[in-house]
Amino acid sequence: MVDLTKIILIPEPSRDILNQREAVDYESHRRKYLSWLLTFGKNPDHADGYAQATISKRAYRIDKFYRWVWGQEDRYTTDVLASARILLIILQSLRISLDNSFNLINYWLLLSASD
């Protein structure tokens, strides 16, 4: 079992804008995603996950991306794959490199979509 006790599942900025139902859904989504990162995220083919300290830092940036998507779509959603692809195209066209957090979101969402 993965220990998520030291990771804030719903940072305050997100908690402030989500209603209770959305917060429960988002917490469940984050719990699954962060568990996946800790177990498989570094190398999914070898079930090699990231260290908890690494994920603690990335978790906030990933949450910030989700809030950006909610603002763009003017609604709550955990289905951010299309927005992630659009943002990736924009950033690549501007030659802006991404940290690994964004690539991990995209990879995990692709895996989740195939379930």
Protein backbone atom coordinates (compact mmCIF):
# COMPACT_ATOMS: atom_id res chain seq x y z
CA MET A 1 0.00 0.00 0.00
CA VAL A 2 1.26 3.46 -0.88
CA ASP A 3 1.58 6.04 1.90
CA LEU A 4 -0.02 9.33 0.86
CA THR A 5 -0.26 10.81 4.36
CA LYS A 6 2.50 13.36 3.74
CA ILE A 7 1.02 14.57 0.45
CA ILE A 8 -1.77 17.13 0.37
CA LEU A 9 -4.44 15.50 -1.78
CA ILE A 10 -6.48 18.66 -2.33
CA PRO A 11 -4.45 21.86 -1.95
CA GLU A 12 -6.30 24.85 -0.50
CA PRO A 13 -6.71 26.73 -3.82
CA SER A 14 -8.60 23.75 -5.27
CA ARG A 15 -10.56 23.08 -2.09
CA ASP A 16 -11.76 26.70 -2.21
CA ILE A 17 -13.35 26.30 -5.65
CA LEU A 18 -14.72 22.75 -5.50
CA ASN A 19 -18.10 21.84 -4.08
CA GLN A 20 -18.33 18.83 -1.77
CA ARG A 21 -19.15 16.30 -4.49
CA GLU A 22 -16.34 17.58 -6.72
CA ALA A 23 -13.88 17.53 -3.80
CA VAL A 24 -14.70 13.88 -3.05
CA ASP A 25 -14.29 12.96 -6.72
CA TYR A 26 -11.07 14.96 -7.11
CA GLU A 27 -9.58 13.44 -3.95
CA SER A 28 -10.31 9.95 -5.27
CA HIS A 29 -8.80 10.85 -8.65
CA ARG A 30 -5.68 12.35 -7.03
CA ARG A 31 -5.29 9.39 -4.68
CA LYS A 32 -5.24 6.99 -7.67
CA TYR A 33 -2.91 9.18 -9.73
CA LEU A 34 -0.42 9.91 -6.95
CA SER A 35 -0.40 6.23 -5.94
CA TRP A 36 0.37 5.35 -9.55
CA LEU A 37 3.26 7.85 -9.60
CA LEU A 38 4.69 6.41 -6.39
CA THR A 39 4.38 2.84 -7.67
CA PHE A 40 4.99 3.05 -11.44
CA GLY A 41 5.62 6.68 -12.46
CA LYS A 42 9.37 6.66 -13.02
CA ASN A 43 9.41 3.53 -15.15
CA PRO A 44 5.97 1.94 -15.68
CA ASP A 45 7.41 -1.04 -17.55
CA HIS A 46 9.43 -2.03 -14.48
CA ALA A 47 7.00 -0.87 -11.76
CA ASP A 48 9.55 1.68 -10.58
CA GLY A 49 7.94 4.62 -8.83
CA TYR A 50 9.11 8.03 -7.73
CA ALA A 51 10.21 8.92 -4.21
CA GLN A 52 7.58 10.48 -1.98
CA ALA A 53 9.57 13.73 -1.68
CA THR A 54 9.57 14.06 -5.48
CA ILE A 55 5.84 13.45 -5.75
CA SER A 56 5.06 15.86 -2.90
CA LYS A 57 6.60 18.67 -4.96
CA ARG A 58 5.02 17.62 -8.25
CA ALA A 59 1.58 17.10 -6.72
CA TYR A 60 1.12 20.84 -6.26
CA ARG A 61 2.17 21.66 -9.85
CA ILE A 62 -0.14 18.97 -11.17
CA ASP A 63 -3.01 20.39 -9.11
CA LYS A 64 -2.25 23.82 -10.57
CA PHE A 65 -2.60 22.36 -14.07
CA TYR A 66 -5.99 20.88 -13.20
CA ARG A 67 -7.15 24.29 -11.91
CA TRP A 68 -6.00 25.84 -15.19
CA VAL A 69 -8.09 23.29 -17.12
CA TRP A 70 -11.14 24.03 -14.94
CA GLY A 71 -10.71 27.72 -15.71
CA GLN A 72 -10.36 27.09 -19.44
CA GLU A 73 -13.41 24.83 -19.56
CA ASP A 74 -15.34 26.85 -16.98
CA ARG A 75 -16.22 23.63 -15.15
CA TYR A 76 -14.77 20.91 -12.94
CA THR A 77 -13.43 17.82 -14.69
CA THR A 78 -10.78 15.17 -14.18
CA ASP A 79 -10.74 14.43 -17.92
CA VAL A 80 -7.88 16.72 -18.84
CA LEU A 81 -6.33 14.70 -21.66
CA ALA A 82 -7.51 16.97 -24.49
CA SER A 83 -6.38 20.08 -22.61
CA ALA A 84 -3.04 18.44 -21.84
CA ARG A 85 -2.48 17.71 -25.52
CA ILE A 86 -3.42 21.25 -26.56
CA LEU A 87 -1.11 22.75 -23.94
CA LEU A 88 1.70 20.44 -25.05
CA ILE A 89 1.32 21.58 -28.67
CA ILE A 90 1.30 25.25 -27.64
CA LEU A 91 4.35 24.89 -25.43
CA GLN A 92 6.25 22.89 -28.03
CA SER A 93 5.46 25.49 -30.69
CA LEU A 94 6.87 28.14 -28.35
CA ARG A 95 9.86 25.88 -27.68
CA ILE A 96 9.11 25.83 -23.97
CA SER A 97 10.32 22.69 -22.30
CA LEU A 98 8.11 20.91 -19.83
CA ASP A 99 9.10 19.40 -16.56
CA ASN A 100 8.36 15.73 -16.17
CA SER A 101 5.13 16.41 -14.23
CA PHE A 102 3.24 17.27 -17.40
CA ASN A 103 4.47 14.22 -19.27
CA LEU A 104 3.44 12.04 -16.33
CA ILE A 105 -0.08 13.48 -16.40
CA ASN A 106 -0.37 12.71 -20.09
CA TYR A 107 1.01 9.16 -19.73
CA TRP A 108 -1.22 8.29 -16.78
CA LEU A 109 -4.31 9.71 -18.47
CA LEU A 110 -3.63 7.62 -21.55
CA LEU A 111 -3.33 4.50 -19.40
CA SER A 112 -6.49 5.39 -17.47
CA ALA A 113 -8.44 5.95 -20.67
CA SER A 114 -7.68 2.42 -21.81
CA ASP A 115 -9.12 0.86 -18.61
